[in-house]
Amino acid sequence: MSEFNDLLRQSGLTREEAAEELGVSARTIRRYESGETQARPRDLRVLKGLIAAGARPIARSAAVPFRFVDLFAGIGGLRLGFESIGGRCVFTSEWDEAARTTYSLNFRDNHELGGDIREYSEDPSKVPEHDVLLAGFPCQPFSIAGVSKKNSLNRPHGFLCDTQGTLFFDAAQIIAYWRPKAFVLENVKNLESHDGGTTFRTIINVLRNELGYHVQHRVISSDPWVPQKRERIFIVGFREPTEFDFDRLEVPSAARGPKLKDILQPHDEVDPKYTLTPRLWQYLQDYRAKHQAKGNGFGYSLFGPNDVARTLSARYYKDGSEVLIEQPGSRPRRLTPLECARLMGFDRGDRRWRIEVSDTQAYRQFGNAVVVPVVEFIAKAIEPHIRTAIETAGQMASEPHLVPTVTRPDRSSAAAYA
């Protein structure tokens, strides 16, 4: 008897229960049992731990109505939103080590964190079966700031970018293989208009025509939930037709949204290091004055306790100029990492967010993240449709479908995107 079979027998788990605990498919368990596939060392360790602890298997109940995977996970904003409606994350992929550190601190997982997504798009069977796929695929190639920077350096962007512009297609390969019942993708608002709309049309064409999903999208701002104007596009797709209507979803009024005073720390709790140095403050004032003289709107933005901030970006660590906090009788200051966590909805209500990376990394992580209560709002809206899709299918997750791989645009020719 193989070590896996012996451990499975000792655990008392059924094949389906073992699959749930290990985050793999029942088909993978059968392969382990038959010896067709060698069990991963990590799976053997999990079974040994369950046996030692005498733990009972996770119960299938309404409390865990669906399983999802978290791709391009960052620090887990999309995950928090879908856990809020009872989903269970069975796989995570995030390449950035500092983000993985924060993610690991804030989520207790029964699965290891995957790294570069390309390893999994090349062999999607490495991703566990799932009902819902979440992916905040990298936005830099499509954002206004990212496009401007690459243009100035005469570098390609969007689908012509060798580093990040094709990562959407890696997510699409996993969708094509597993055929989840639904997916939610997130990106910057500018994705719709990038390259005259060609980029977005290409994405929608892949999802709708190549993969056959019923796709809707909508830009939603965060200011009804947090004191920050941050617009992001969300793309929702269902494998089968549903009654979900993104356009008719009623978003709360921003007029009644929170203000910065609701997330700022008391003045005496803020370390003086967050106050701008005289030299940096003078530089920012001079820079703003120079552009104002030219009729440009570039420069720092100063906010008081009753204001709503502009978008927090990943470059915030450089000088904090997009969101500076007024300090009467003193120079302005940056937001603290804790305030950024609150501004993005990670540290909210009874939820406390652990931050044990450097300030520079924390600013990058929050600047790249999604606003959690926005995702919670969207998740709550689509939850009944996910549940219906699962009940209709009569199983928790589909078996993989062997479909043709998704067509990747020829990066050598811009004509490929027309």
Protein backbone atom coordinates (compact mmCIF):
# COMPACT_ATOMS: atom_id res chain seq x y z
CA MET A 1 0.00 0.00 0.00
CA SER A 2 1.34 3.43 -0.93
CA GLU A 3 2.02 6.05 1.73
CA PHE A 4 -0.84 8.17 0.40
CA ASN A 5 -3.34 5.30 0.53
CA ASP A 6 -2.22 4.41 4.05
CA LEU A 7 -2.62 8.01 5.24
CA LEU A 8 -6.00 8.33 3.52
CA ARG A 9 -7.18 5.17 5.29
CA GLN A 10 -5.94 6.43 8.67
CA SER A 11 -7.60 9.82 8.17
CA GLY A 12 -11.02 8.29 7.67
CA LEU A 13 -11.74 10.80 4.90
CA THR A 14 -13.76 9.96 1.84
CA ARG A 15 -12.21 10.66 -1.54
CA GLU A 16 -14.33 13.81 -1.87
CA GLU A 17 -13.47 15.00 1.64
CA ALA A 18 -9.76 14.47 1.01
CA ALA A 19 -10.04 16.45 -2.22
CA GLU A 20 -11.66 19.31 -0.30
CA GLU A 21 -8.99 19.30 2.41
CA LEU A 22 -6.09 19.16 -0.05
CA GLY A 23 -7.56 21.63 -2.52
CA VAL A 24 -7.42 19.22 -5.46
CA SER A 25 -10.02 17.46 -7.58
CA ALA A 26 -11.52 14.07 -6.77
CA ARG A 27 -9.97 12.89 -10.02
CA THR A 28 -6.52 13.82 -8.66
CA ILE A 29 -7.23 11.79 -5.52
CA ARG A 30 -8.07 8.79 -7.71
CA ARG A 31 -4.76 9.24 -9.53
CA TYR A 32 -2.93 9.34 -6.20
CA GLU A 33 -4.68 6.12 -5.13
CA SER A 34 -3.91 4.28 -8.34
CA GLY A 35 -0.31 5.44 -8.43
CA GLU A 36 -0.83 7.15 -11.78
CA THR A 37 0.31 10.40 -10.13
CA GLN A 38 2.65 10.66 -7.18
CA ALA A 39 1.13 12.58 -4.26
CA ARG A 40 2.76 15.92 -3.55
CA PRO A 41 4.85 16.03 -0.33
CA ARG A 42 2.69 18.92 0.81
CA ASP A 43 -0.46 16.77 0.49
CA LEU A 44 1.12 14.01 2.56
CA ARG A 45 2.03 16.57 5.24
CA VAL A 46 -1.56 17.86 5.34
CA LEU A 47 -2.95 14.34 5.79
CA LYS A 48 -0.44 13.60 8.55
CA GLY A 49 -1.44 16.84 10.28
CA LEU A 50 -5.13 15.95 10.06
CA ILE A 51 -4.49 12.51 11.51
CA ALA A 52 -2.39 13.95 14.36
CA ALA A 53 -5.01 16.57 15.18
CA GLY A 54 -7.94 14.22 14.86
CA ALA A 55 -9.60 16.92 12.76
CA ARG A 56 -12.92 16.32 11.08
CA PRO A 57 -13.22 17.05 7.37
CA ILE A 58 -14.72 20.32 6.20
CA ALA A 59 -18.49 19.94 5.97
CA ARG A 60 -20.32 20.68 2.77
CA SER A 61 -22.92 23.18 3.86
CA ALA A 62 -24.55 26.45 2.93
CA ALA A 63 -21.71 28.17 4.80
CA VAL A 64 -19.30 27.09 2.03
CA PRO A 65 -21.44 27.31 -1.10
CA PHE A 66 -18.64 27.60 -3.63
CA ARG A 67 -14.90 27.35 -4.19
CA PHE A 68 -12.82 30.02 -5.89
CA VAL A 69 -9.27 30.71 -7.02
CA ASP A 70 -7.46 34.01 -6.49
CA LEU A 71 -5.15 34.89 -9.40
CA PHE A 72 -2.85 37.94 -9.43
CA ALA A 73 -3.94 38.02 -5.81
CA GLY A 74 -1.89 40.96 -4.53
CA ILE A 75 -2.71 41.14 -0.83
CA GLY A 76 -6.12 39.51 -1.17
CA GLY A 77 -8.71 42.23 -1.74
CA LEU A 78 -10.79 40.19 -4.16
CA ARG A 79 -10.57 37.20 -1.84
CA LEU A 80 -11.95 39.15 1.12
CA GLY A 81 -14.93 40.21 -0.95
CA PHE A 82 -15.85 36.67 -1.95
CA GLU A 83 -15.15 35.16 1.43
CA SER A 84 -17.74 37.61 2.77
CA ILE A 85 -20.45 35.66 0.90
CA GLY A 86 -19.24 32.26 2.04
CA GLY A 87 -16.76 31.34 -0.67
CA ARG A 88 -13.70 29.23 0.08
CA CYS A 89 -10.38 30.03 -1.56
CA VAL A 90 -8.65 26.85 -2.78
CA PHE A 91 -5.76 28.35 -4.77
CA THR A 92 -3.77 31.57 -4.78
CA SER A 93 -1.23 32.88 -7.28
CA GLU A 94 0.88 35.98 -6.66
CA TRP A 95 4.43 36.49 -7.91
CA ASP A 96 5.52 39.44 -5.69
CA GLU A 97 7.32 38.21 -2.58
CA ALA A 98 6.41 41.18 -0.37
CA ALA A 99 2.74 40.88 -1.31
CA ARG A 100 2.90 37.16 -0.58
CA THR A 101 4.26 37.98 2.87
CA THR A 102 1.32 40.26 3.66
CA TYR A 103 -1.15 37.79 2.16
CA SER A 104 0.22 34.93 4.26
CA LEU A 105 0.01 36.99 7.45
CA ASN A 106 -3.65 37.79 6.93
CA PHE A 107 -5.05 34.50 5.62
CA ARG A 108 -4.88 31.07 7.22
CA ASP A 109 -4.69 28.66 4.31
CA ASN A 110 -4.74 24.93 3.67
CA HIS A 111 -2.93 25.57 0.41
CA GLU A 112 0.48 26.92 -0.47
CA LEU A 113 0.72 30.19 -2.39
CA GLY A 114 1.49 29.79 -6.06
CA GLY A 115 3.95 32.13 -7.72
CA ASP A 116 4.23 33.17 -11.37
CA ILE A 117 0.88 32.60 -13.12
CA ARG A 118 2.62 31.40 -16.28
CA GLU A 119 3.57 28.14 -14.58
CA TYR A 120 -0.13 27.42 -14.14
CA SER A 121 -1.36 28.65 -17.50
CA GLU A 122 1.12 26.29 -19.17
CA ASP A 123 -0.37 23.43 -17.15
CA PRO A 124 -3.81 24.48 -15.83
CA SER A 125 -4.32 21.07 -14.21
CA LYS A 126 -2.06 22.36 -11.42
CA VAL A 127 -4.89 24.71 -10.45
CA PRO A 128 -7.58 22.99 -8.31
CA GLU A 129 -11.12 22.69 -9.60
CA HIS A 130 -13.23 25.69 -8.72
CA ASP A 131 -16.59 27.35 -9.27
CA VAL A 132 -15.45 30.97 -9.51
CA LEU A 133 -12.23 32.49 -10.83
CA LEU A 134 -11.06 35.86 -9.53
CA ALA A 135 -8.27 37.79 -11.26
CA GLY A 136 -7.04 41.33 -10.81
CA PHE A 137 -4.67 40.99 -13.74
CA PRO A 138 -1.89 43.63 -13.79
CA CYS A 139 -3.18 47.04 -14.71
CA GLN A 140 0.05 48.95 -15.45
CA PRO A 141 0.06 48.32 -19.22
CA PHE A 142 -3.47 49.72 -19.49
CA SER A 143 -3.48 52.57 -16.96
CA ILE A 144 -3.12 56.20 -18.01
CA ALA A 145 0.07 56.56 -15.93
CA GLY A 146 1.52 53.29 -17.23
CA VAL A 147 0.77 54.13 -20.87
CA SER A 148 2.26 57.61 -20.54
CA LYS A 149 5.43 56.25 -18.97
CA LYS A 150 5.92 53.57 -21.63
CA ASN A 151 5.22 56.07 -24.43
CA SER A 152 7.88 58.40 -23.04
CA LEU A 153 10.37 55.53 -23.02
CA ASN A 154 9.29 54.39 -26.51
CA ARG A 155 8.29 51.04 -25.01
CA PRO A 156 5.26 48.93 -25.97
CA HIS A 157 2.20 48.73 -23.75
CA GLY A 158 -1.06 46.83 -23.58
CA PHE A 159 -0.92 43.53 -25.46
CA LEU A 160 2.40 44.59 -27.00
CA CYS A 161 4.06 44.58 -23.56
CA ASP A 162 6.26 41.52 -23.18
CA THR A 163 6.16 41.57 -19.38
CA GLN A 164 2.60 42.22 -18.28
CA GLY A 165 0.44 42.85 -21.30
CA THR A 166 -0.09 39.16 -22.04
CA LEU A 167 -0.94 38.08 -18.50
CA PHE A 168 -4.65 38.40 -19.19
CA PHE A 169 -4.21 35.53 -21.61
CA ASP A 170 -2.70 33.38 -18.86
CA ALA A 171 -5.90 33.81 -16.85
CA ALA A 172 -7.90 33.06 -20.00
CA GLN A 173 -6.03 29.77 -20.46
CA ILE A 174 -7.11 28.67 -16.98
CA ILE A 175 -10.71 29.70 -17.67
CA ALA A 176 -10.60 27.76 -20.94
CA TYR A 177 -9.38 24.61 -19.21
CA TRP A 178 -11.55 24.55 -16.08
CA ARG A 179 -14.66 26.30 -17.40
CA PRO A 180 -15.66 27.77 -14.00
CA LYS A 181 -19.28 28.71 -13.52
CA ALA A 182 -18.33 32.37 -13.16
CA PHE A 183 -15.39 34.74 -13.13
CA VAL A 184 -14.77 38.28 -11.91
CA LEU A 185 -11.91 40.29 -13.40
CA GLU A 186 -10.75 43.71 -12.21
CA ASN A 187 -8.67 46.43 -13.83
CA VAL A 188 -8.25 50.19 -14.14
CA LYS A 189 -10.98 52.30 -15.71
CA ASN A 190 -8.69 53.22 -18.59
CA LEU A 191 -8.77 49.62 -19.82
CA GLU A 192 -11.94 50.51 -21.77
CA SER A 193 -10.31 53.32 -23.73
CA HIS A 194 -6.76 52.02 -24.10
CA ASP A 195 -5.54 52.04 -27.70
CA GLY A 196 -8.84 53.50 -28.90
CA GLY A 197 -10.78 50.67 -27.31
CA THR A 198 -8.94 47.92 -29.19
CA THR A 199 -7.45 46.37 -26.05
CA PHE A 200 -10.82 46.08 -24.34
CA ARG A 201 -12.54 44.76 -27.46
CA THR A 202 -9.86 42.07 -27.68
CA ILE A 203 -10.42 41.05 -24.06
CA ILE A 204 -14.20 40.91 -24.44
CA ASN A 205 -13.85 38.98 -27.69
CA VAL A 206 -11.73 36.34 -25.97
CA LEU A 207 -14.13 36.00 -23.04
CA ARG A 208 -17.35 36.14 -25.01
CA ASN A 209 -16.57 34.58 -28.39
CA GLU A 210 -13.53 32.35 -27.81
CA LEU A 211 -14.54 31.12 -24.34
CA GLY A 212 -18.30 31.40 -24.75
CA TYR A 213 -19.14 33.26 -21.52
CA HIS A 214 -22.00 35.69 -20.92
CA VAL A 215 -20.01 38.80 -20.08
CA GLN A 216 -20.93 42.15 -18.53
CA HIS A 217 -18.78 44.98 -17.26
CA ARG A 218 -19.12 48.18 -15.30
CA VAL A 219 -16.94 50.95 -13.89
CA ILE A 220 -17.61 51.55 -10.19
CA SER A 221 -16.12 54.27 -7.98
CA SER A 222 -15.17 53.58 -4.38
CA ASP A 223 -16.36 56.83 -2.77
CA PRO A 224 -19.73 55.48 -1.57
CA TRP A 225 -17.75 53.15 0.74
CA VAL A 226 -14.40 54.80 1.47
CA PRO A 227 -13.18 58.43 1.36
CA GLN A 228 -11.35 57.94 -1.94
CA LYS A 229 -12.37 58.48 -5.56
CA ARG A 230 -11.03 55.33 -7.16
CA GLU A 231 -12.73 54.07 -10.32
CA ARG A 232 -12.14 50.50 -11.43
CA ILE A 233 -13.69 48.33 -14.10
CA PHE A 234 -15.14 44.95 -13.11
CA ILE A 235 -15.84 42.28 -15.71
CA VAL A 236 -18.27 39.55 -14.68
CA GLY A 237 -18.83 36.42 -16.74
CA PHE A 238 -21.15 33.44 -16.29
CA ARG A 239 -20.79 30.15 -18.16
CA GLU A 240 -24.56 29.84 -18.52
CA PRO A 241 -27.18 32.58 -18.98
CA THR A 242 -28.31 34.28 -15.76
CA GLU A 243 -30.65 37.08 -14.72
CA PHE A 244 -27.77 39.13 -13.35
CA ASP A 245 -27.81 42.68 -14.80
CA PHE A 246 -24.73 44.73 -13.93
CA ASP A 247 -26.17 47.93 -15.41
CA ARG A 248 -29.26 47.77 -13.19
CA LEU A 249 -27.29 47.21 -10.01
CA GLU A 250 -28.01 50.21 -7.76
CA VAL A 251 -24.81 51.69 -6.33
CA PRO A 252 -25.11 53.69 -3.08
CA SER A 253 -24.84 57.47 -3.28
CA ALA A 254 -21.36 58.89 -2.83
CA ALA A 255 -22.89 62.00 -1.23
CA ARG A 256 -23.46 60.01 1.93
CA GLY A 257 -20.09 58.31 1.82
CA PRO A 258 -17.41 58.61 4.52
CA LYS A 259 -14.83 61.40 4.78
CA LEU A 260 -11.14 61.25 5.58
CA LYS A 261 -11.79 62.01 9.26
CA ASP A 262 -13.38 58.56 9.44
CA ILE A 263 -10.09 56.80 8.65
CA LEU A 264 -7.37 59.17 9.92
CA GLN A 265 -5.44 58.37 13.08
CA PRO A 266 -5.39 60.91 15.92
CA HIS A 267 -2.60 63.44 15.44
CA ASP A 268 -0.70 62.29 18.54
CA GLU A 269 -0.61 58.71 17.24
CA VAL A 270 1.09 59.61 13.96
CA ASP A 271 4.87 59.25 13.86
CA PRO A 272 6.58 62.57 12.90
CA LYS A 273 8.43 60.69 10.14
CA TYR A 274 5.28 60.92 7.99
CA THR A 275 5.47 64.74 7.96
CA LEU A 276 7.20 66.00 4.81
CA THR A 277 10.69 67.35 5.23
CA PRO A 278 11.14 71.09 4.56
CA ARG A 279 13.11 70.27 1.42
CA LEU A 280 10.51 67.90 -0.04
CA TRP A 281 7.63 70.24 0.81
CA GLN A 282 9.41 73.14 -0.90
CA TYR A 283 10.11 70.99 -3.96
CA LEU A 284 6.46 70.00 -4.28
CA GLN A 285 5.30 73.61 -3.97
CA ASP A 286 7.77 74.77 -6.60
CA TYR A 287 6.81 71.93 -8.94
CA ARG A 288 3.13 72.76 -8.64
CA ALA A 289 3.74 76.48 -9.16
CA LYS A 290 5.80 75.79 -12.29
CA HIS A 291 3.02 73.76 -13.89
CA GLN A 292 0.29 76.18 -12.82
CA ALA A 293 2.18 78.93 -14.65
CA LYS A 294 2.00 76.77 -17.78
CA GLY A 295 -1.71 76.12 -17.31
CA ASN A 296 -1.19 72.50 -16.27
CA GLY A 297 -2.90 70.78 -13.36
CA PHE A 298 0.10 68.79 -12.20
CA GLY A 299 1.19 68.90 -8.59
CA TYR A 300 0.41 67.77 -5.09
CA SER A 301 -3.10 67.47 -3.66
CA LEU A 302 -3.84 68.58 -0.11
CA PHE A 303 -6.81 67.23 1.85
CA GLY A 304 -8.52 68.00 5.13
CA PRO A 305 -10.60 65.78 7.44
CA ASN A 306 -13.89 66.54 5.65
CA ASP A 307 -12.57 65.74 2.18
CA VAL A 308 -12.53 62.70 -0.07
CA ALA A 309 -9.07 61.82 -1.38
CA ARG A 310 -8.03 61.20 -4.95
CA THR A 311 -6.83 57.76 -6.07
CA LEU A 312 -4.04 56.20 -4.04
CA SER A 313 -1.39 54.87 -6.41
CA ALA A 314 1.49 52.41 -6.14
CA ARG A 315 3.94 55.34 -6.44
CA TYR A 316 2.71 56.84 -3.18
CA TYR A 317 5.93 55.81 -1.44
CA LYS A 318 7.93 58.28 -3.55
CA ASP A 319 6.59 61.56 -2.15
CA GLY A 320 2.94 61.04 -1.22
CA SER A 321 1.99 64.00 -3.39
CA GLU A 322 -1.38 62.68 -4.61
CA VAL A 323 -2.81 62.49 -1.07
CA LEU A 324 -1.23 64.85 1.45
CA ILE A 325 -2.96 65.45 4.79
CA GLU A 326 -3.21 68.98 6.18
CA GLN A 327 -1.60 69.66 9.52
CA PRO A 328 -2.48 73.09 10.97
CA GLY A 329 0.63 75.06 11.77
CA SER A 330 2.91 72.47 10.21
CA ARG A 331 3.91 70.91 6.93
CA PRO A 332 1.52 68.30 5.51
CA ARG A 333 2.11 64.60 5.95
CA ARG A 334 1.67 61.34 4.13
CA LEU A 335 -0.96 58.82 5.08
CA THR A 336 0.35 56.10 7.38
CA PRO A 337 0.20 52.48 6.18
CA LEU A 338 -2.65 51.85 8.65
CA GLU A 339 -4.58 54.77 7.17
CA CYS A 340 -3.96 53.33 3.70
CA ALA A 341 -5.34 49.99 4.90
CA ARG A 342 -8.46 51.83 6.08
CA LEU A 343 -8.68 53.92 2.92
CA MET A 344 -8.72 50.71 0.87
CA GLY A 345 -11.19 48.96 3.18
CA PHE A 346 -8.81 46.25 4.40
CA ASP A 347 -8.83 47.44 8.00
CA ARG A 348 -12.54 48.00 8.57
CA GLY A 349 -15.09 47.28 11.29
CA ASP A 350 -14.00 44.20 13.22
CA ARG A 351 -11.38 43.27 10.62
CA ARG A 352 -7.79 44.19 11.52
CA TRP A 353 -5.10 44.07 8.86
CA ARG A 354 -1.56 43.02 9.74
CA ILE A 355 1.19 45.08 8.09
CA GLU A 356 4.70 43.77 8.71
CA VAL A 357 6.50 44.93 5.57
CA SER A 358 8.34 48.21 5.05
CA ASP A 359 6.37 51.41 4.49
CA THR A 360 7.57 51.42 0.88
CA GLN A 361 6.19 47.94 0.26
CA ALA A 362 2.98 48.70 2.15
CA TYR A 363 2.31 51.78 0.01
CA ARG A 364 2.93 49.77 -3.16
CA GLN A 365 0.62 47.00 -2.00
CA PHE A 366 -2.28 49.26 -1.09
CA GLY A 367 -1.78 51.37 -4.21
CA ASN A 368 -2.11 48.25 -6.35
CA ALA A 369 -5.03 46.78 -4.42
CA VAL A 370 -8.78 46.78 -4.89
CA VAL A 371 -11.12 48.56 -2.49
CA VAL A 372 -12.52 45.69 -0.44
CA PRO A 373 -16.06 46.99 0.27
CA VAL A 374 -16.58 47.55 -3.46
CA VAL A 375 -15.76 43.89 -4.08
CA GLU A 376 -18.00 42.86 -1.18
CA PHE A 377 -20.84 44.84 -2.78
CA ILE A 378 -20.34 43.14 -6.16
CA ALA A 379 -19.95 39.71 -4.56
CA LYS A 380 -23.20 40.11 -2.64
CA ALA A 381 -24.99 41.11 -5.85
CA ILE A 382 -23.85 38.06 -7.82
CA GLU A 383 -23.98 35.54 -4.95
CA PRO A 384 -27.52 34.29 -5.69
CA HIS A 385 -26.58 33.77 -9.34
CA ILE A 386 -23.47 31.77 -8.34
CA ARG A 387 -25.59 29.66 -6.02
CA THR A 388 -28.17 29.05 -8.77
CA ALA A 389 -25.42 28.08 -11.22
CA ILE A 390 -24.04 25.55 -8.74
CA GLU A 391 -27.44 24.09 -7.93
CA THR A 392 -28.26 23.81 -11.62
CA ALA A 393 -25.01 22.02 -12.33
CA GLY A 394 -25.66 19.65 -9.44
CA GLN A 395 -22.03 19.65 -8.31
CA MET A 396 -19.56 21.96 -6.63
CA ALA A 397 -17.17 22.32 -9.55
CA SER A 398 -16.85 21.17 -13.12
CA GLU A 399 -14.37 18.72 -14.52
CA PRO A 400 -11.80 20.29 -16.86
CA HIS A 401 -12.81 20.71 -20.48
CA LEU A 402 -10.17 20.03 -23.06
CA VAL A 403 -10.72 23.00 -25.33
CA PRO A 404 -8.35 24.70 -27.75
CA THR A 405 -5.93 27.08 -26.11
CA VAL A 406 -6.75 30.77 -26.27
CA THR A 407 -5.27 32.62 -29.19
CA ARG A 408 -2.47 34.95 -28.17
CA PRO A 409 -2.11 38.09 -30.28
CA ASP A 410 1.01 38.30 -32.38
CA ARG A 411 3.09 40.80 -30.44
CA SER A 412 5.11 41.56 -33.54
CA SER A 413 2.25 43.28 -35.31
CA ALA A 414 -0.18 45.91 -34.07
CA ALA A 415 -2.55 44.80 -36.83
CA ALA A 416 -3.30 41.69 -34.78
CA TYR A 417 -5.42 43.76 -32.41
CA ALA A 418 -7.67 45.42 -34.96
